[in-house]
Amino acid sequence: EEKKKKEKVEKKGEKKEKKQQPAAGSSDAK
């Protein structure tokens, strides 16, 4: 149960990072 809880939190953190990356990279690079 502890391991599952840890994995769940880590996955949630990864999703937040992925969500943040498009927001930061949405502006035109040029």
Full PDB file with SEQRES, HELIX, SHEET, SSBOND, CRYST1, ORIGX, SCALE, CONECT and MASTER records, all heavy atoms in Angstrom:
SEQRES   1 A   30  GLU GLU LYS LYS LYS LYS GLU LYS VAL GLU LYS LYS GLY          
SEQRES   2 A   30  GLU LYS LYS GLU LYS LYS GLN GLN PRO ALA ALA GLY SER          
SEQRES   3 A   30  SER ASP ALA LYS                                              
HELIX    1 AA1 GLU A    2  GLY A   25  1                                  24    
CRYST1    1.000    1.000    1.000  90.00  90.00  90.00 P 1           1          
ORIGX1      1.000000  0.000000  0.000000        0.00000                         
ORIGX2      0.000000  1.000000  0.000000        0.00000                         
ORIGX3      0.000000  0.000000  1.000000        0.00000                         
SCALE1      1.000000  0.000000  0.000000        0.00000                         
SCALE2      0.000000  1.000000  0.000000        0.00000                         
SCALE3      0.000000  0.000000  1.000000        0.00000                         
ATOM      1  N   GLU A   1       0.831  -1.207   0.000  1.00  0.00           N  
ATOM      2  CA  GLU A   1       0.000   0.000   0.000  1.00  0.00           C  
ATOM      3  C   GLU A   1       0.864   1.256   0.000  1.00  0.00           C  
ATOM      4  O   GLU A   1       0.571   2.241  -0.695  1.00  0.00           O  
ATOM      5  CB  GLU A   1      -0.928  -0.005   1.224  1.00  0.00           C  
ATOM      6  CG  GLU A   1      -2.079  -0.995   1.099  1.00  0.00           C  
ATOM      7  CD  GLU A   1      -2.955  -1.016   2.343  1.00  0.00           C  
ATOM      8  OE1 GLU A   1      -2.626  -0.301   3.306  1.00  0.00           O  
ATOM      9  OE2 GLU A   1      -3.966  -1.742   2.319  1.00  0.00           O  
ATOM     10  N   GLU A   2       1.951   1.211   0.784  1.00  0.00           N  
ATOM     11  CA  GLU A   2       2.869   2.360   0.815  1.00  0.00           C  
ATOM     12  C   GLU A   2       3.487   2.603  -0.564  1.00  0.00           C  
ATOM     13  O   GLU A   2       3.604   3.734  -1.037  1.00  0.00           O  
ATOM     14  CB  GLU A   2       3.985   2.113   1.837  1.00  0.00           C  
ATOM     15  CG  GLU A   2       3.547   2.195   3.282  1.00  0.00           C  
ATOM     16  CD  GLU A   2       3.273   3.623   3.719  1.00  0.00           C  
ATOM     17  OE1 GLU A   2       3.753   4.550   3.055  1.00  0.00           O  
ATOM     18  OE2 GLU A   2       2.547   3.803   4.711  1.00  0.00           O  
ATOM     19  N   LYS A   3       3.906   1.498  -1.219  1.00  0.00           N  
ATOM     20  CA  LYS A   3       4.531   1.612  -2.550  1.00  0.00           C  
ATOM     21  C   LYS A   3       3.548   2.160  -3.579  1.00  0.00           C  
ATOM     22  O   LYS A   3       3.878   3.007  -4.398  1.00  0.00           O  
ATOM     23  CB  LYS A   3       5.064   0.255  -3.002  1.00  0.00           C  
ATOM     24  CG  LYS A   3       6.337  -0.153  -2.284  1.00  0.00           C  
ATOM     25  CD  LYS A   3       6.838  -1.505  -2.769  1.00  0.00           C  
ATOM     26  CE  LYS A   3       8.106  -1.919  -2.028  1.00  0.00           C  
ATOM     27  NZ  LYS A   3       8.585  -3.248  -2.449  1.00  0.00           N  
ATOM     28  N   LYS A   4       2.293   1.651  -3.503  1.00  0.00           N  
ATOM     29  CA  LYS A   4       1.277   2.130  -4.456  1.00  0.00           C  
ATOM     30  C   LYS A   4       1.003   3.614  -4.259  1.00  0.00           C  
ATOM     31  O   LYS A   4       0.854   4.379  -5.212  1.00  0.00           O  
ATOM     32  CB  LYS A   4      -0.020   1.327  -4.273  1.00  0.00           C  
ATOM     33  CG  LYS A   4       0.044  -0.073  -4.851  1.00  0.00           C  
ATOM     34  CD  LYS A   4      -1.249  -0.818  -4.590  1.00  0.00           C  
ATOM     35  CE  LYS A   4      -1.183  -2.247  -5.131  1.00  0.00           C  
ATOM     36  NZ  LYS A   4      -2.420  -2.994  -4.841  1.00  0.00           N  
ATOM     37  N   LYS A   5       0.963   4.011  -2.982  1.00  0.00           N  
ATOM     38  CA  LYS A   5       0.723   5.426  -2.674  1.00  0.00           C  
ATOM     39  C   LYS A   5       1.850   6.287  -3.217  1.00  0.00           C  
ATOM     40  O   LYS A   5       1.639   7.357  -3.803  1.00  0.00           O  
ATOM     41  CB  LYS A   5       0.593   5.599  -1.161  1.00  0.00           C  
ATOM     42  CG  LYS A   5       0.106   6.976  -0.736  1.00  0.00           C  
ATOM     43  CD  LYS A   5      -0.108   7.037   0.766  1.00  0.00           C  
ATOM     44  CE  LYS A   5      -0.604   8.410   1.177  1.00  0.00           C  
ATOM     45  NZ  LYS A   5      -0.787   8.502   2.643  1.00  0.00           N  
ATOM     46  N   LYS A   6       3.083   5.817  -3.050  1.00  0.00           N  
ATOM     47  CA  LYS A   6       4.254   6.544  -3.545  1.00  0.00           C  
ATOM     48  C   LYS A   6       4.225   6.668  -5.063  1.00  0.00           C  
ATOM     49  O   LYS A   6       4.466   7.737  -5.635  1.00  0.00           O  
ATOM     50  CB  LYS A   6       5.523   5.808  -3.095  1.00  0.00           C  
ATOM     51  CG  LYS A   6       6.818   6.461  -3.585  1.00  0.00           C  
ATOM     52  CD  LYS A   6       8.009   5.624  -3.171  1.00  0.00           C  
ATOM     53  CE  LYS A   6       9.280   6.184  -3.810  1.00  0.00           C  
ATOM     54  NZ  LYS A   6      10.457   5.341  -3.514  1.00  0.00           N  
ATOM     55  N   GLU A   7       3.909   5.531  -5.749  1.00  0.00           N  
ATOM     56  CA  GLU A   7       3.855   5.544  -7.211  1.00  0.00           C  
ATOM     57  C   GLU A   7       2.778   6.502  -7.716  1.00  0.00           C  
ATOM     58  O   GLU A   7       2.969   7.219  -8.700  1.00  0.00           O  
ATOM     59  CB  GLU A   7       3.580   4.125  -7.742  1.00  0.00           C  
ATOM     60  CG  GLU A   7       4.776   3.204  -7.599  1.00  0.00           C  
ATOM     61  CD  GLU A   7       4.416   1.763  -7.932  1.00  0.00           C  
ATOM     62  OE1 GLU A   7       3.240   1.516  -8.286  1.00  0.00           O  
ATOM     63  OE2 GLU A   7       5.292   0.890  -7.818  1.00  0.00           O  
ATOM     64  N   LYS A   8       1.639   6.523  -7.016  1.00  0.00           N  
ATOM     65  CA  LYS A   8       0.535   7.401  -7.408  1.00  0.00           C  
ATOM     66  C   LYS A   8       0.945   8.874  -7.330  1.00  0.00           C  
ATOM     67  O   LYS A   8       0.676   9.670  -8.230  1.00  0.00           O  
ATOM     68  CB  LYS A   8      -0.671   7.142  -6.508  1.00  0.00           C  
ATOM     69  CG  LYS A   8      -1.936   7.867  -6.943  1.00  0.00           C  
ATOM     70  CD  LYS A   8      -3.097   7.490  -6.038  1.00  0.00           C  
ATOM     71  CE  LYS A   8      -4.362   8.233  -6.468  1.00  0.00           C  
ATOM     72  NZ  LYS A   8      -5.507   7.893  -5.589  1.00  0.00           N  
ATOM     73  N   VAL A   9       1.619   9.244  -6.244  1.00  0.00           N  
ATOM     74  CA  VAL A   9       2.070  10.635  -6.074  1.00  0.00           C  
ATOM     75  C   VAL A   9       3.102  10.995  -7.123  1.00  0.00           C  
ATOM     76  O   VAL A   9       3.098  12.089  -7.694  1.00  0.00           O  
ATOM     77  CB  VAL A   9       2.624  10.839  -4.648  1.00  0.00           C  
ATOM     78  CG1 VAL A   9       3.250  12.220  -4.518  1.00  0.00           C  
ATOM     79  CG2 VAL A   9       1.515  10.675  -3.621  1.00  0.00           C  
ATOM     80  N   GLU A  10       4.034  10.047  -7.412  1.00  0.00           N  
ATOM     81  CA  GLU A  10       5.067  10.316  -8.425  1.00  0.00           C  
ATOM     82  C   GLU A  10       4.447  10.528  -9.804  1.00  0.00           C  
ATOM     83  O   GLU A  10       4.855  11.418 -10.548  1.00  0.00           O  
ATOM     84  CB  GLU A  10       6.069   9.161  -8.457  1.00  0.00           C  
ATOM     85  CG  GLU A  10       7.022   9.180  -7.268  1.00  0.00           C  
ATOM     86  CD  GLU A  10       7.979   7.999  -7.289  1.00  0.00           C  
ATOM     87  OE1 GLU A  10       7.727   7.047  -8.071  1.00  0.00           O  
ATOM     88  OE2 GLU A  10       8.959   8.016  -6.527  1.00  0.00           O  
ATOM     89  N   LYS A  11       3.453   9.686 -10.139  1.00  0.00           N  
ATOM     90  CA  LYS A  11       2.780   9.845 -11.434  1.00  0.00           C  
ATOM     91  C   LYS A  11       2.059  11.183 -11.524  1.00  0.00           C  
ATOM     92  O   LYS A  11       2.068  11.842 -12.557  1.00  0.00           O  
ATOM     93  CB  LYS A  11       1.783   8.697 -11.654  1.00  0.00           C  
ATOM     94  CG  LYS A  11       2.447   7.383 -12.014  1.00  0.00           C  
ATOM     95  CD  LYS A  11       1.407   6.294 -12.191  1.00  0.00           C  
ATOM     96  CE  LYS A  11       2.065   4.960 -12.526  1.00  0.00           C  
ATOM     97  NZ  LYS A  11       1.076   3.881 -12.662  1.00  0.00           N  
ATOM     98  N   LYS A  12       1.454  11.584 -10.400  1.00  0.00           N  
ATOM     99  CA  LYS A  12       0.759  12.880 -10.373  1.00  0.00           C  
ATOM    100  C   LYS A  12       1.741  14.026 -10.604  1.00  0.00           C  
ATOM    101  O   LYS A  12       1.461  14.981 -11.324  1.00  0.00           O  
ATOM    102  CB  LYS A  12       0.047  13.050  -9.028  1.00  0.00           C  
ATOM    103  CG  LYS A  12      -0.918  14.232  -8.985  1.00  0.00           C  
ATOM    104  CD  LYS A  12      -1.654  14.285  -7.666  1.00  0.00           C  
ATOM    105  CE  LYS A  12      -2.588  15.477  -7.631  1.00  0.00           C  
ATOM    106  NZ  LYS A  12      -3.291  15.601  -6.344  1.00  0.00           N  
ATOM    107  N   GLY A  13       2.924  13.897  -9.994  1.00  0.00           N  
ATOM    108  CA  GLY A  13       3.959  14.912 -10.185  1.00  0.00           C  
ATOM    109  C   GLY A  13       4.435  14.978 -11.622  1.00  0.00           C  
ATOM    110  O   GLY A  13       4.652  16.056 -12.177  1.00  0.00           O  
ATOM    111  N   GLU A  14       4.579  13.814 -12.277  1.00  0.00           N  
ATOM    112  CA  GLU A  14       5.001  13.777 -13.676  1.00  0.00           C  
ATOM    113  C   GLU A  14       3.974  14.447 -14.578  1.00  0.00           C  
ATOM    114  O   GLU A  14       4.309  15.163 -15.507  1.00  0.00           O  
ATOM    115  CB  GLU A  14       5.218  12.325 -14.114  1.00  0.00           C  
ATOM    116  CG  GLU A  14       6.493  11.713 -13.530  1.00  0.00           C  
ATOM    117  CD  GLU A  14       6.582  10.226 -13.842  1.00  0.00           C  
ATOM    118  OE1 GLU A  14       5.705   9.719 -14.567  1.00  0.00           O  
ATOM    119  OE2 GLU A  14       7.521   9.581 -13.351  1.00  0.00           O  
ATOM    120  N   LYS A  15       2.687  14.198 -14.277  1.00  0.00           N  
ATOM    121  CA  LYS A  15       1.626  14.819 -15.080  1.00  0.00           C  
ATOM    122  C   LYS A  15       1.675  16.333 -14.966  1.00  0.00           C  
ATOM    123  O   LYS A  15       1.490  17.061 -15.938  1.00  0.00           O  
ATOM    124  CB  LYS A  15       0.256  14.305 -14.639  1.00  0.00           C  
ATOM    125  CG  LYS A  15      -0.030  12.886 -15.103  1.00  0.00           C  
ATOM    126  CD  LYS A  15      -1.393  12.442 -14.646  1.00  0.00           C  
ATOM    127  CE  LYS A  15      -1.696  11.005 -15.079  1.00  0.00           C  
ATOM    128  NZ  LYS A  15      -3.000  10.534 -14.608  1.00  0.00           N  
ATOM    129  N   LYS A  16       1.917  16.840 -13.749  1.00  0.00           N  
ATOM    130  CA  LYS A  16       2.002  18.291 -13.544  1.00  0.00           C  
ATOM    131  C   LYS A  16       3.155  18.876 -14.347  1.00  0.00           C  
ATOM    132  O   LYS A  16       3.052  19.935 -14.957  1.00  0.00           O  
ATOM    133  CB  LYS A  16       2.200  18.606 -12.049  1.00  0.00           C  
ATOM    134  CG  LYS A  16       0.933  18.466 -11.229  1.00  0.00           C  
ATOM    135  CD  LYS A  16      -0.005  19.637 -11.465  1.00  0.00           C  
ATOM    136  CE  LYS A  16      -1.258  19.540 -10.625  1.00  0.00           C  
ATOM    137  NZ  LYS A  16      -2.197  20.623 -10.926  1.00  0.00           N  
ATOM    138  N   GLU A  17       4.307  18.170 -14.335  1.00  0.00           N  
ATOM    139  CA  GLU A  17       5.474  18.651 -15.087  1.00  0.00           C  
ATOM    140  C   GLU A  17       5.189  18.662 -16.578  1.00  0.00           C  
ATOM    141  O   GLU A  17       5.557  19.593 -17.291  1.00  0.00           O  
ATOM    142  CB  GLU A  17       6.685  17.772 -14.775  1.00  0.00           C  
ATOM    143  CG  GLU A  17       7.245  18.027 -13.375  1.00  0.00           C  
ATOM    144  CD  GLU A  17       8.391  17.090 -13.042  1.00  0.00           C  
ATOM    145  OE1 GLU A  17       8.707  16.234 -13.891  1.00  0.00           O  
ATOM    146  OE2 GLU A  17       8.948  17.202 -11.938  1.00  0.00           O  
ATOM    147  N   LYS A  18       4.522  17.599 -17.070  1.00  0.00           N  
ATOM    148  CA  LYS A  18       4.192  17.541 -18.497  1.00  0.00           C  
ATOM    149  C   LYS A  18       3.240  18.661 -18.886  1.00  0.00           C  
ATOM    150  O   LYS A  18       3.338  19.249 -19.946  1.00  0.00           O  
ATOM    151  CB  LYS A  18       3.561  16.187 -18.846  1.00  0.00           C  
ATOM    152  CG  LYS A  18       4.584  15.063 -18.889  1.00  0.00           C  
ATOM    153  CD  LYS A  18       3.913  13.754 -19.194  1.00  0.00           C  
ATOM    154  CE  LYS A  18       4.907  12.612 -19.203  1.00  0.00           C  
ATOM    155  NZ  LYS A  18       4.257  11.313 -19.436  1.00  0.00           N  
ATOM    156  N   LYS A  19       2.287  18.956 -17.982  1.00  0.00           N  
ATOM    157  CA  LYS A  19       1.331  20.035 -18.234  1.00  0.00           C  
ATOM    158  C   LYS A  19       2.033  21.380 -18.284  1.00  0.00           C  
ATOM    159  O   LYS A  19       1.692  22.267 -19.052  1.00  0.00           O  
ATOM    160  CB  LYS A  19       0.254  20.025 -17.146  1.00  0.00           C  
ATOM    161  CG  LYS A  19      -0.887  21.016 -17.405  1.00  0.00           C  
ATOM    162  CD  LYS A  19      -1.918  20.937 -16.303  1.00  0.00           C  
ATOM    163  CE  LYS A  19      -3.012  21.959 -16.537  1.00  0.00           C  
ATOM    164  NZ  LYS A  19      -4.016  21.934 -15.452  1.00  0.00           N  
ATOM    165  N   GLN A  20       3.064  21.519 -17.437  1.00  0.00           N  
ATOM    166  CA  GLN A  20       3.781  22.793 -17.352  1.00  0.00           C  
ATOM    167  C   GLN A  20       4.663  23.013 -18.564  1.00  0.00           C  
ATOM    168  O   GLN A  20       4.828  24.132 -19.031  1.00  0.00           O  
ATOM    169  CB  GLN A  20       4.640  22.798 -16.090  1.00  0.00           C  
ATOM    170  CG  GLN A  20       5.250  24.158 -15.771  1.00  0.00           C  
ATOM    171  CD  GLN A  20       5.938  24.126 -14.415  1.00  0.00           C  
ATOM    172  OE1 GLN A  20       5.713  23.238 -13.629  1.00  0.00           O  
ATOM    173  NE2 GLN A  20       6.770  25.093 -14.177  1.00  0.00           N  
ATOM    174  N   GLN A  21       5.234  21.944 -19.114  1.00  0.00           N  
ATOM    175  CA  GLN A  21       6.151  22.076 -20.252  1.00  0.00           C  
ATOM    176  C   GLN A  21       5.497  22.703 -21.473  1.00  0.00           C  
ATOM    177  O   GLN A  21       6.045  23.640 -22.044  1.00  0.00           O  
ATOM    178  CB  GLN A  21       6.740  20.709 -20.611  1.00  0.00           C  
ATOM    179  CG  GLN A  21       7.814  20.278 -19.625  1.00  0.00           C  
ATOM    180  CD  GLN A  21       8.260  18.846 -19.867  1.00  0.00           C  
ATOM    181  OE1 GLN A  21       7.769  18.185 -20.784  1.00  0.00           O  
ATOM    182  NE2 GLN A  21       9.150  18.359 -19.033  1.00  0.00           N  
ATOM    183  N   PRO A  22       4.297  22.277 -21.919  1.00  0.00           N  
ATOM    184  CA  PRO A  22       3.671  22.947 -23.055  1.00  0.00           C  
ATOM    185  C   PRO A  22       3.379  24.408 -22.779  1.00  0.00           C  
ATOM    186  O   PRO A  22       3.484  25.242 -23.649  1.00  0.00           O  
ATOM    187  CB  PRO A  22       2.363  22.166 -23.266  1.00  0.00           C  
ATOM    188  CG  PRO A  22       2.573  20.869 -22.603  1.00  0.00           C  
ATOM    189  CD  PRO A  22       3.519  21.119 -21.482  1.00  0.00           C  
ATOM    190  N   ALA A  23       3.005  24.731 -21.514  1.00  0.00           N  
ATOM    191  CA  ALA A  23       2.707  26.133 -21.200  1.00  0.00           C  
ATOM    192  C   ALA A  23       3.939  26.988 -21.385  1.00  0.00           C  
ATOM    193  O   ALA A  23       3.881  28.109 -21.876  1.00  0.00           O  
ATOM    194  CB  ALA A  23       2.196  26.236 -19.773  1.00  0.00           C  
ATOM    195  N   ALA A  24       5.109  26.445 -20.957  1.00  0.00           N  
ATOM    196  CA  ALA A  24       6.343  27.217 -21.094  1.00  0.00           C  
ATOM    197  C   ALA A  24       6.798  27.272 -22.533  1.00  0.00           C  
ATOM    198  O   ALA A  24       7.392  28.244 -22.979  1.00  0.00           O  
ATOM    199  CB  ALA A  24       7.430  26.593 -20.219  1.00  0.00           C  
ATOM    200  N   GLY A  25       6.535  26.183 -23.308  1.00  0.00           N  
ATOM    201  CA  GLY A  25       7.032  26.147 -24.688  1.00  0.00           C  
ATOM    202  C   GLY A  25       6.028  26.580 -25.726  1.00  0.00           C  
ATOM    203  O   GLY A  25       6.245  26.428 -26.911  1.00  0.00           O  
ATOM    204  N   SER A  26       4.869  27.120 -25.281  1.00  0.00           N  
ATOM    205  CA  SER A  26       3.823  27.482 -26.218  1.00  0.00           C  
ATOM    206  C   SER A  26       4.173  28.709 -27.043  1.00  0.00           C  
ATOM    207  O   SER A  26       3.699  28.885 -28.137  1.00  0.00           O  
ATOM    208  CB  SER A  26       2.515  27.706 -25.464  1.00  0.00           C  
ATOM    209  OG  SER A  26       2.676  28.749 -24.529  1.00  0.00           O  
ATOM    210  N   SER A  27       5.011  29.620 -26.496  1.00  0.00           N  
ATOM    211  CA  SER A  27       5.389  30.809 -27.251  1.00  0.00           C  
ATOM    212  C   SER A  27       6.302  30.420 -28.395  1.00  0.00           C  
ATOM    213  O   SER A  27       7.091  29.485 -28.289  1.00  0.00           O  
ATOM    214  CB  SER A  27       6.079  31.818 -26.331  1.00  0.00           C  
ATOM    215  OG  SER A  27       7.229  31.224 -25.779  1.00  0.00           O  
ATOM    216  N   ASP A  28       6.212  31.138 -29.482  1.00  0.00           N  
ATOM    217  CA  ASP A  28       7.018  30.867 -30.658  1.00  0.00           C  
ATOM    218  C   ASP A  28       8.491  30.993 -30.310  1.00  0.00           C  
ATOM    219  O   ASP A  28       8.916  31.966 -29.686  1.00  0.00           O  
ATOM    220  CB  ASP A  28       6.652  31.878 -31.756  1.00  0.00           C  
ATOM    221  CG  ASP A  28       7.069  31.367 -33.122  1.00  0.00           C  
ATOM    222  OD1 ASP A  28       8.037  30.590 -33.159  1.00  0.00           O  
ATOM    223  OD2 ASP A  28       6.434  31.739 -34.115  1.00  0.00           O  
ATOM    224  N   ALA A  29       9.297  29.979 -30.704  1.00  0.00           N  
ATOM    225  CA  ALA A  29      10.725  30.000 -30.378  1.00  0.00           C  
ATOM    226  C   ALA A  29      11.440  31.154 -31.068  1.00  0.00           C  
ATOM    227  O   ALA A  29      12.415  31.686 -30.553  1.00  0.00           O  
ATOM    228  CB  ALA A  29      11.355  28.665 -30.783  1.00  0.00           C  
ATOM    229  N   LYS A  30      10.984  31.553 -32.225  1.00  0.00           N  
ATOM    230  CA  LYS A  30      11.621  32.644 -32.958  1.00  0.00           C  
ATOM    231  C   LYS A  30      11.244  33.982 -32.334  1.00  0.00           C  
ATOM    232  O   LYS A  30      10.081  34.234 -32.050  1.00  0.00           O  
ATOM    233  CB  LYS A  30      11.158  32.606 -34.425  1.00  0.00           C  
ATOM    234  CG  LYS A  30      11.992  33.476 -35.346  1.00  0.00           C  
ATOM    235  CD  LYS A  30      11.563  33.263 -36.787  1.00  0.00           C  
ATOM    236  CE  LYS A  30      12.361  34.150 -37.730  1.00  0.00           C  
ATOM    237  NZ  LYS A  30      11.912  34.006 -39.112  1.00  0.00           N  
TER     238      LYS A  30                                                      
MASTER        0    0    0    1    0    0    0    6  237    1    0    3          
END                                                                             
